[in-house]
Amino acid sequence: MSQVVAEPCALHEWERKGPATFDFLGFTLHWRRTRTGRWRLGCKTRGARLRRALNAVYDWCRSQRHQPLAVQHAALVSRLQGHFNYFGVNGNLRCSKDLLYHAKRAWYKWLRRRSQRVRLTWERFAQLLRAYPLPSPRVVVTIWA
């Protein structure tokens, strides 16, 4: 008579910690813990892609600082909205917020360097952002429910 031997240490699918991360289409897919403690696949913007987007916004703000505010605002909103539309998946909100934060800082820096007469303060910049708001990141596509 033959006996069936169970595999030692057989893990359920939610108890496995997968291999290292990998990059795909501008995203880094990685393992993360859920609130209940299970392992789940997470998705965030690839580090090199985020740096490239930050550098592009920074360089664009520097090169376009001579343009009127309305023109700068429209182009910056278009750039940010395009990034948020592509990278707006659930689990990636932190990276999108980072891009928005650094875009605001870059725009502020290069608007300060436009004139030597009146300095732009953070209070004035906050008023400017109320008049010309930048888009807030949001989840456009839900990959995992």
Foldseek 3Di string as FASTA:
>chain_A
DDDDDDDPPDDDPQADADDQWDDDPQKIWHWDADPVGTIDIAIEGDPVVLVVLLVVLLVVLQVCLVPDPVVVLVVQLVSLVVVLLVGQEPRHLVSSVVSVVSSLVSNLVNNQPPDPPDGQDPVNSVVVCVVRPHDHHHRPDYPDD
